[in-house]
Amino acid sequence: MTRHIEFETDVFSAHGLTLLVDGTAQSHVDPVDPTRLFFEYTRRIGHVIDVLGAPGVPLRALHLGGGALTLPRYVAAAHPGATQVVVELDPAVLDAVLTRLPLPGDAGIELVVGDAASVIDTLAGPFDLVIVDLYSGLDAPAFVDTAEFMTGCLRLLAPGGVLALNVADAAGLERLRGQARAIARADPAAALLAAGDAGVLSGAEEGNAVLVAAPGGLPDGLRERLLAEGPHPATVLDGARLDFVLWGAC
């Protein structure tokens, strides 16, 4: 099936571009300033990235889902010397992105075309960060709700590493609960945190949340940074509050 891939000029800045696939916005990137993260969920994941390492400190990152390579570009710019692997299922999307927005020659980003569920079994790691952002339009593959997939992601983490997932959800948080349950089955001891707009995390509105899992405990200062840096309004759920939302309200 031929997909319609295009870039739309950002009306909010002089340089930003939005990647649309079959009319659905998939990614936003500013090629002049890759540290400018426009979509709310990418800004929240940016906070996760920066808590793992101070500016300029190299990181090892795995991105499952490429889009316009927004977050790999961010890591490369904010943490020079980072080593990164990006897994993207759709070669047509990857070709279009690289043609319009080529990566710097020194970006340190390895690109892999393939299905994330299969590719993770071939990777050795370890990674300080694994980011899962797997969508075709508004739909995520069924395997992201499985313990087997989450086990594979968690296996690739270095000590102190974290798994961060973009969860695009309908009202009611069904997808967030499903992915949190999969992580809990994969590693019952992993610490969990969810960040997003208050209306989304209350279950009242559709939107994106960021789910963070950390087998060795959440990074120091993560909760505080997510609340302080936004984008606002920001809500962070962890501990008993998250347990109630994920399990007590089912």
C-alpha atoms as a PDB file:
ATOM      1  CA  MET A   1       0.000   0.000   0.000  1.00  0.00           C
ATOM      2  CA  THR A   2       1.360   3.401  -1.002  1.00  0.00           C
ATOM      3  CA  ARG A   3       1.403   5.879   1.848  1.00  0.00           C
ATOM      4  CA  HIS A   4       1.137   9.629   1.488  1.00  0.00           C
ATOM      5  CA  ILE A   5       4.113  11.205   3.264  1.00  0.00           C
ATOM      6  CA  GLU A   6       4.492  14.964   3.485  1.00  0.00           C
ATOM      7  CA  PHE A   7       5.937  17.767   5.592  1.00  0.00           C
ATOM      8  CA  GLU A   8       3.908  20.721   6.765  1.00  0.00           C
ATOM      9  CA  THR A   9       5.456  24.052   7.693  1.00  0.00           C
ATOM     10  CA  ASP A  10       5.101  24.976  11.352  1.00  0.00           C
ATOM     11  CA  VAL A  11       3.155  28.224  11.719  1.00  0.00           C
ATOM     12  CA  PHE A  12       4.564  28.725  15.236  1.00  0.00           C
ATOM     13  CA  SER A  13       8.228  28.975  14.236  1.00  0.00           C
ATOM     14  CA  ALA A  14      10.378  29.892  11.276  1.00  0.00           C
ATOM     15  CA  HIS A  15      11.942  26.461  10.825  1.00  0.00           C
ATOM     16  CA  GLY A  16       9.728  23.751  12.324  1.00  0.00           C
ATOM     17  CA  LEU A  17       8.246  20.976  10.192  1.00  0.00           C
ATOM     18  CA  THR A  18       5.547  18.421  10.961  1.00  0.00           C
ATOM     19  CA  LEU A  19       5.728  14.979   9.382  1.00  0.00           C
ATOM     20  CA  LEU A  20       2.318  13.746   8.229  1.00  0.00           C
ATOM     21  CA  VAL A  21       1.651  10.184   7.103  1.00  0.00           C
ATOM     22  CA  ASP A  22      -1.696   9.676   5.374  1.00  0.00           C
ATOM     23  CA  GLY A  23      -2.816  12.993   6.817  1.00  0.00           C
ATOM     24  CA  THR A  24      -1.969  12.180  10.454  1.00  0.00           C
ATOM     25  CA  ALA A  25       0.721  14.171  12.253  1.00  0.00           C
ATOM     26  CA  GLN A  26       3.463  11.768  13.345  1.00  0.00           C
ATOM     27  CA  SER A  27       6.390  13.964  14.373  1.00  0.00           C
ATOM     28  CA  HIS A  28       7.581  17.544  14.633  1.00  0.00           C
ATOM     29  CA  VAL A  29      11.192  18.588  14.191  1.00  0.00           C
ATOM     30  CA  ASP A  30      13.099  21.860  14.078  1.00  0.00           C
ATOM     31  CA  PRO A  31      16.166  21.208  11.887  1.00  0.00           C
ATOM     32  CA  VAL A  32      17.808  24.466  12.958  1.00  0.00           C
ATOM     33  CA  ASP A  33      17.361  23.794  16.684  1.00  0.00           C
ATOM     34  CA  PRO A  34      16.852  20.048  17.359  1.00  0.00           C
ATOM     35  CA  THR A  35      16.565  20.752  21.092  1.00  0.00           C
ATOM     36  CA  ARG A  36      13.241  22.519  20.484  1.00  0.00           C
ATOM     37  CA  LEU A  37      10.641  19.856  21.212  1.00  0.00           C
ATOM     38  CA  PHE A  38       7.206  21.027  20.109  1.00  0.00           C
ATOM     39  CA  PHE A  39       4.896  18.069  20.784  1.00  0.00           C
ATOM     40  CA  GLU A  40       4.077  17.877  24.483  1.00  0.00           C
ATOM     41  CA  TYR A  41       4.965  14.220  24.931  1.00  0.00           C
ATOM     42  CA  THR A  42       8.378  14.702  23.296  1.00  0.00           C
ATOM     43  CA  ARG A  43       9.143  17.532  25.722  1.00  0.00           C
ATOM     44  CA  ARG A  44       8.266  15.274  28.632  1.00  0.00           C
ATOM     45  CA  ILE A  45      10.513  12.521  27.274  1.00  0.00           C
ATOM     46  CA  GLY A  46      13.190  15.184  26.812  1.00  0.00           C
ATOM     47  CA  HIS A  47      13.059  15.756  30.580  1.00  0.00           C
ATOM     48  CA  VAL A  48      13.541  12.019  31.134  1.00  0.00           C
ATOM     49  CA  ILE A  49      16.555  12.081  28.820  1.00  0.00           C
ATOM     50  CA  ASP A  50      18.155  15.020  30.596  1.00  0.00           C
ATOM     51  CA  VAL A  51      17.651  13.609  34.091  1.00  0.00           C
ATOM     52  CA  LEU A  52      19.622  10.550  32.992  1.00  0.00           C
ATOM     53  CA  GLY A  53      22.607  12.668  32.006  1.00  0.00           C
ATOM     54  CA  ALA A  54      23.679  16.279  32.415  1.00  0.00           C
ATOM     55  CA  PRO A  55      23.974  18.400  29.240  1.00  0.00           C
ATOM     56  CA  GLY A  56      26.987  17.253  27.273  1.00  0.00           C
ATOM     57  CA  VAL A  57      27.141  13.814  28.900  1.00  0.00           C
ATOM     58  CA  PRO A  58      26.957  11.056  26.242  1.00  0.00           C
ATOM     59  CA  LEU A  59      24.087   8.591  26.532  1.00  0.00           C
ATOM     60  CA  ARG A  60      23.308   5.221  24.968  1.00  0.00           C
ATOM     61  CA  ALA A  61      19.767   5.289  23.587  1.00  0.00           C
ATOM     62  CA  LEU A  62      17.511   2.902  21.691  1.00  0.00           C
ATOM     63  CA  HIS A  63      14.493   4.347  19.868  1.00  0.00           C
ATOM     64  CA  LEU A  64      11.767   1.900  18.842  1.00  0.00           C
ATOM     65  CA  GLY A  65       9.899   3.964  16.267  1.00  0.00           C
ATOM     66  CA  GLY A  66      11.648   6.619  14.243  1.00  0.00           C
ATOM     67  CA  GLY A  67       9.180   9.147  12.846  1.00  0.00           C
ATOM     68  CA  ALA A  68      11.099  12.271  11.863  1.00  0.00           C
ATOM     69  CA  LEU A  69      13.941  11.220  14.209  1.00  0.00           C
ATOM     70  CA  THR A  70      12.983  14.046  16.559  1.00  0.00           C
ATOM     71  CA  LEU A  71      14.233  12.523  19.796  1.00  0.00           C
ATOM     72  CA  PRO A  72      17.401  10.996  18.285  1.00  0.00           C
ATOM     73  CA  ARG A  73      18.259  14.477  16.962  1.00  0.00           C
ATOM     74  CA  TYR A  74      17.572  15.906  20.417  1.00  0.00           C
ATOM     75  CA  VAL A  75      19.851  13.386  22.133  1.00  0.00           C
ATOM     76  CA  ALA A  76      22.614  13.990  19.585  1.00  0.00           C
ATOM     77  CA  ALA A  77      22.411  17.777  20.089  1.00  0.00           C
ATOM     78  CA  ALA A  78      21.992  17.841  23.871  1.00  0.00           C
ATOM     79  CA  HIS A  79      24.349  14.972  24.646  1.00  0.00           C
ATOM     80  CA  PRO A  80      27.195  15.048  22.085  1.00  0.00           C
ATOM     81  CA  GLY A  81      28.967  11.740  21.704  1.00  0.00           C
ATOM     82  CA  ALA A  82      25.806   9.746  22.347  1.00  0.00           C
ATOM     83  CA  THR A  83      25.490   6.381  20.651  1.00  0.00           C
ATOM     84  CA  GLN A  84      22.003   5.616  19.381  1.00  0.00           C
ATOM     85  CA  VAL A  85      20.056   2.963  17.519  1.00  0.00           C
ATOM     86  CA  VAL A  86      16.748   3.753  15.809  1.00  0.00           C
ATOM     87  CA  VAL A  87      14.387   0.996  14.656  1.00  0.00           C
ATOM     88  CA  GLU A  88      11.791   2.072  12.083  1.00  0.00           C
ATOM     89  CA  LEU A  89       9.333  -0.288  10.414  1.00  0.00           C
ATOM     90  CA  ASP A  90       8.488   1.797   7.338  1.00  0.00           C
ATOM     91  CA  PRO A  91      11.407   2.327   4.936  1.00  0.00           C
ATOM     92  CA  ALA A  92       9.385   4.832   2.881  1.00  0.00           C
ATOM     93  CA  VAL A  93       8.960   7.088   5.921  1.00  0.00           C
ATOM     94  CA  LEU A  94      12.646   6.792   6.788  1.00  0.00           C
ATOM     95  CA  ASP A  95      13.707   7.596   3.215  1.00  0.00           C
ATOM     96  CA  ALA A  96      11.420  10.634   3.054  1.00  0.00           C
ATOM     97  CA  VAL A  97      12.697  11.941   6.383  1.00  0.00           C
ATOM     98  CA  LEU A  98      16.364  11.510   5.486  1.00  0.00           C
ATOM     99  CA  THR A  99      15.831  13.147   2.098  1.00  0.00           C
ATOM    100  CA  ARG A 100      14.111  16.212   3.538  1.00  0.00           C
ATOM    101  CA  LEU A 101      15.951  16.336   6.869  1.00  0.00           C
ATOM    102  CA  PRO A 102      19.296  14.523   6.622  1.00  0.00           C
ATOM    103  CA  LEU A 103      21.137  13.680   9.812  1.00  0.00           C
ATOM    104  CA  PRO A 104      24.466  15.335  10.612  1.00  0.00           C
ATOM    105  CA  GLY A 105      27.398  13.149   9.667  1.00  0.00           C
ATOM    106  CA  ASP A 106      28.603  12.965  13.264  1.00  0.00           C
ATOM    107  CA  ALA A 107      25.205  12.182  14.805  1.00  0.00           C
ATOM    108  CA  GLY A 108      26.226   8.699  15.946  1.00  0.00           C
ATOM    109  CA  ILE A 109      22.839   7.246  15.012  1.00  0.00           C
ATOM    110  CA  GLU A 110      22.491   3.730  13.588  1.00  0.00           C
ATOM    111  CA  LEU A 111      19.301   3.222  11.575  1.00  0.00           C
ATOM    112  CA  VAL A 112      17.645  -0.194  11.408  1.00  0.00           C
ATOM    113  CA  VAL A 113      14.623  -0.997   9.241  1.00  0.00           C
ATOM    114  CA  GLY A 114      12.499  -3.689  10.801  1.00  0.00           C
ATOM    115  CA  ASP A 115       9.778  -4.707  13.213  1.00  0.00           C
ATOM    116  CA  ALA A 116      10.619  -3.615  16.753  1.00  0.00           C
ATOM    117  CA  ALA A 117       9.281  -6.801  18.354  1.00  0.00           C
ATOM    118  CA  SER A 118      11.722  -8.880  16.299  1.00  0.00           C
ATOM    119  CA  VAL A 119      14.685  -6.508  16.233  1.00  0.00           C
ATOM    120  CA  ILE A 120      15.009  -6.148  20.019  1.00  0.00           C
ATOM    121  CA  ASP A 121      15.930  -9.833  20.259  1.00  0.00           C
ATOM    122  CA  THR A 122      18.954  -9.176  18.016  1.00  0.00           C
ATOM    123  CA  LEU A 123      20.317  -6.230  20.016  1.00  0.00           C
ATOM    124  CA  ALA A 124      22.913  -6.635  22.750  1.00  0.00           C
ATOM    125  CA  GLY A 125      22.710  -3.274  24.502  1.00  0.00           C
ATOM    126  CA  PRO A 126      23.046  -2.102  27.133  1.00  0.00           C
ATOM    127  CA  PHE A 127      21.245   1.221  26.792  1.00  0.00           C
ATOM    128  CA  ASP A 128      20.736   3.981  29.329  1.00  0.00           C
ATOM    129  CA  LEU A 129      17.375   4.677  27.737  1.00  0.00           C
ATOM    130  CA  VAL A 130      14.890   2.730  25.618  1.00  0.00           C
ATOM    131  CA  ILE A 131      12.120   4.844  24.065  1.00  0.00           C
ATOM    132  CA  VAL A 132       9.007   3.175  22.651  1.00  0.00           C
ATOM    133  CA  ASP A 133       6.956   5.307  20.249  1.00  0.00           C
ATOM    134  CA  LEU A 134       5.288   2.860  17.895  1.00  0.00           C
ATOM    135  CA  TYR A 135       2.263   4.107  15.999  1.00  0.00           C
ATOM    136  CA  SER A 136       0.740   3.733  12.584  1.00  0.00           C
ATOM    137  CA  GLY A 137      -1.553   6.717  12.479  1.00  0.00           C
ATOM    138  CA  LEU A 138      -3.255   6.568  15.876  1.00  0.00           C
ATOM    139  CA  ASP A 139      -2.904   2.801  16.291  1.00  0.00           C
ATOM    140  CA  ALA A 140      -0.186   0.983  18.230  1.00  0.00           C
ATOM    141  CA  PRO A 141       0.798  -2.625  17.426  1.00  0.00           C
ATOM    142  CA  ALA A 142      -0.783  -5.219  19.705  1.00  0.00           C
ATOM    143  CA  PHE A 143       2.572  -6.495  20.926  1.00  0.00           C
ATOM    144  CA  VAL A 144       3.225  -3.337  22.988  1.00  0.00           C
ATOM    145  CA  ASP A 145       0.677  -4.681  25.487  1.00  0.00           C
ATOM    146  CA  THR A 146       2.545  -7.963  25.995  1.00  0.00           C
ATOM    147  CA  ALA A 147       4.897  -8.975  28.768  1.00  0.00           C
ATOM    148  CA  GLU A 148       7.158 -10.599  26.185  1.00  0.00           C
ATOM    149  CA  PHE A 149       7.806  -7.285  24.430  1.00  0.00           C
ATOM    150  CA  MET A 150       8.336  -5.394  27.676  1.00  0.00           C
ATOM    151  CA  THR A 151      10.701  -8.109  28.896  1.00  0.00           C
ATOM    152  CA  GLY A 152      12.759  -7.626  25.747  1.00  0.00           C
ATOM    153  CA  CYS A 153      12.878  -3.851  26.256  1.00  0.00           C
ATOM    154  CA  LEU A 154      13.815  -4.094  29.947  1.00  0.00           C
ATOM    155  CA  ARG A 155      16.511  -6.666  29.169  1.00  0.00           C
ATOM    156  CA  LEU A 156      18.362  -4.079  27.103  1.00  0.00           C
ATOM    157  CA  LEU A 157      18.663  -1.534  29.910  1.00  0.00           C
ATOM    158  CA  ALA A 158      21.939  -0.788  31.644  1.00  0.00           C
ATOM    159  CA  PRO A 159      21.947  -0.562  35.455  1.00  0.00           C
ATOM    160  CA  GLY A 160      20.123   2.654  36.308  1.00  0.00           C
ATOM    161  CA  GLY A 161      18.522   2.765  32.864  1.00  0.00           C
ATOM    162  CA  VAL A 162      14.892   3.597  32.112  1.00  0.00           C
ATOM    163  CA  LEU A 163      12.200   2.628  29.645  1.00  0.00           C
ATOM    164  CA  ALA A 164      10.020   5.511  28.391  1.00  0.00           C
ATOM    165  CA  LEU A 165       6.853   4.975  26.371  1.00  0.00           C
ATOM    166  CA  ASN A 166       4.661   7.399  24.476  1.00  0.00           C
ATOM    167  CA  VAL A 167       1.098   6.297  25.163  1.00  0.00           C
ATOM    168  CA  ALA A 168      -1.524   7.903  22.906  1.00  0.00           C
ATOM    169  CA  ASP A 169      -4.760   7.059  24.669  1.00  0.00           C
ATOM    170  CA  ALA A 170      -8.489   7.515  24.497  1.00  0.00           C
ATOM    171  CA  ALA A 171     -10.448   8.704  27.516  1.00  0.00           C
ATOM    172  CA  GLY A 172     -10.420   5.990  30.160  1.00  0.00           C
ATOM    173  CA  LEU A 173      -6.675   5.181  29.995  1.00  0.00           C
ATOM    174  CA  GLU A 174      -7.182   1.679  28.592  1.00  0.00           C
ATOM    175  CA  ARG A 175      -3.915   1.736  26.646  1.00  0.00           C
ATOM    176  CA  LEU A 176      -1.905   3.142  29.561  1.00  0.00           C
ATOM    177  CA  ARG A 177      -3.261   0.437  31.851  1.00  0.00           C
ATOM    178  CA  GLY A 178      -2.525  -2.274  29.302  1.00  0.00           C
ATOM    179  CA  GLN A 179       1.099  -1.248  28.866  1.00  0.00           C
ATOM    180  CA  ALA A 180       1.622  -0.769  32.609  1.00  0.00           C
ATOM    181  CA  ARG A 181       0.239  -4.274  33.233  1.00  0.00           C
ATOM    182  CA  ALA A 182       2.630  -5.675  30.627  1.00  0.00           C
ATOM    183  CA  ILE A 183       5.589  -4.029  32.386  1.00  0.00           C
ATOM    184  CA  ALA A 184       4.380  -5.298  35.773  1.00  0.00           C
ATOM    185  CA  ARG A 185       4.205  -8.851  34.417  1.00  0.00           C
ATOM    186  CA  ALA A 186       7.673  -8.480  32.894  1.00  0.00           C
ATOM    187  CA  ASP A 187       9.227  -7.055  36.081  1.00  0.00           C
ATOM    188  CA  PRO A 188       6.950  -6.707  39.106  1.00  0.00           C
ATOM    189  CA  ALA A 189       9.630  -4.768  40.989  1.00  0.00           C
ATOM    190  CA  ALA A 190      10.129  -2.055  38.347  1.00  0.00           C
ATOM    191  CA  ALA A 191       9.259   1.461  39.500  1.00  0.00           C
ATOM    192  CA  LEU A 192       6.598   3.185  37.393  1.00  0.00           C
ATOM    193  CA  LEU A 193       5.709   6.823  36.751  1.00  0.00           C
ATOM    194  CA  ALA A 194       3.217   8.455  34.402  1.00  0.00           C
ATOM    195  CA  ALA A 195       3.367  12.084  33.260  1.00  0.00           C
ATOM    196  CA  GLY A 196       0.949  14.079  31.156  1.00  0.00           C
ATOM    197  CA  ASP A 197      -1.828  16.618  31.042  1.00  0.00           C
ATOM    198  CA  ALA A 198      -4.115  16.489  34.063  1.00  0.00           C
ATOM    199  CA  GLY A 199      -7.193  15.821  31.938  1.00  0.00           C
ATOM    200  CA  VAL A 200      -5.527  12.893  30.207  1.00  0.00           C
ATOM    201  CA  LEU A 201      -4.224  11.234  33.374  1.00  0.00           C
ATOM    202  CA  SER A 202      -7.589  11.633  35.073  1.00  0.00           C
ATOM    203  CA  GLY A 203      -9.049   9.503  32.301  1.00  0.00           C
ATOM    204  CA  ALA A 204     -11.446  12.263  31.256  1.00  0.00           C
ATOM    205  CA  GLU A 205      -9.754  13.242  27.975  1.00  0.00           C
ATOM    206  CA  GLU A 206      -7.884  11.623  25.117  1.00  0.00           C
ATOM    207  CA  GLY A 207      -4.258  12.544  24.619  1.00  0.00           C
ATOM    208  CA  ASN A 208      -0.681  11.474  25.194  1.00  0.00           C
ATOM    209  CA  ALA A 209       0.924  10.327  28.411  1.00  0.00           C
ATOM    210  CA  VAL A 210       4.510   9.276  29.042  1.00  0.00           C
ATOM    211  CA  LEU A 211       4.980   6.054  30.985  1.00  0.00           C
ATOM    212  CA  VAL A 212       8.398   5.514  32.587  1.00  0.00           C
ATOM    213  CA  ALA A 213       9.635   2.201  33.985  1.00  0.00           C
ATOM    214  CA  ALA A 214      12.879   1.784  35.916  1.00  0.00           C
ATOM    215  CA  PRO A 215      13.989  -1.627  37.219  1.00  0.00           C
ATOM    216  CA  GLY A 216      16.604   0.007  39.455  1.00  0.00           C
ATOM    217  CA  GLY A 217      14.382   2.832  40.695  1.00  0.00           C
ATOM    218  CA  LEU A 218      13.378   6.117  39.112  1.00  0.00           C
ATOM    219  CA  PRO A 219      16.162   8.658  38.512  1.00  0.00           C
ATOM    220  CA  ASP A 220      16.626  11.282  41.203  1.00  0.00           C
ATOM    221  CA  GLY A 221      14.765  14.488  40.433  1.00  0.00           C
ATOM    222  CA  LEU A 222      12.634  13.078  37.603  1.00  0.00           C
ATOM    223  CA  ARG A 223       9.273  13.744  39.223  1.00  0.00           C
ATOM    224  CA  GLU A 224      10.258  17.271  40.230  1.00  0.00           C
ATOM    225  CA  ARG A 225      11.596  18.146  36.784  1.00  0.00           C
ATOM    226  CA  LEU A 226       8.499  16.868  35.008  1.00  0.00           C
ATOM    227  CA  LEU A 227       6.283  18.975  37.254  1.00  0.00           C
ATOM    228  CA  ALA A 228       8.437  22.109  37.126  1.00  0.00           C
ATOM    229  CA  GLU A 229       9.349  22.133  33.440  1.00  0.00           C
ATOM    230  CA  GLY A 230       5.991  21.117  31.972  1.00  0.00           C
ATOM    231  CA  PRO A 231       4.578  21.600  29.450  1.00  0.00           C
ATOM    232  CA  HIS A 232       1.815  22.844  31.708  1.00  0.00           C
ATOM    233  CA  PRO A 233      -0.613  21.883  33.040  1.00  0.00           C
ATOM    234  CA  ALA A 234       1.445  18.890  34.159  1.00  0.00           C
ATOM    235  CA  THR A 235       0.502  15.966  36.337  1.00  0.00           C
ATOM    236  CA  VAL A 236       2.842  13.233  37.533  1.00  0.00           C
ATOM    237  CA  LEU A 237       1.495  10.003  39.016  1.00  0.00           C
ATOM    238  CA  ASP A 238       3.680   7.563  40.912  1.00  0.00           C
ATOM    239  CA  GLY A 239       3.497   5.417  44.010  1.00  0.00           C
ATOM    240  CA  ALA A 240       0.043   4.984  45.536  1.00  0.00           C
ATOM    241  CA  ARG A 241      -1.603   7.586  43.262  1.00  0.00           C
ATOM    242  CA  LEU A 242      -0.468   5.730  40.149  1.00  0.00           C
ATOM    243  CA  ASP A 243      -1.429   2.381  41.638  1.00  0.00           C
ATOM    244  CA  PHE A 244      -4.979   3.658  42.195  1.00  0.00           C
ATOM    245  CA  VAL A 245      -5.302   4.962  38.640  1.00  0.00           C
ATOM    246  CA  LEU A 246      -3.869   1.801  37.080  1.00  0.00           C
ATOM    247  CA  TRP A 247      -5.344  -0.869  39.292  1.00  0.00           C
ATOM    248  CA  GLY A 248      -7.813   0.540  41.841  1.00  0.00           C
ATOM    249  CA  ALA A 249     -10.080   2.236  39.306  1.00  0.00           C
ATOM    250  CA  CYS A 250     -10.381  -0.733  36.964  1.00  0.00           C
END
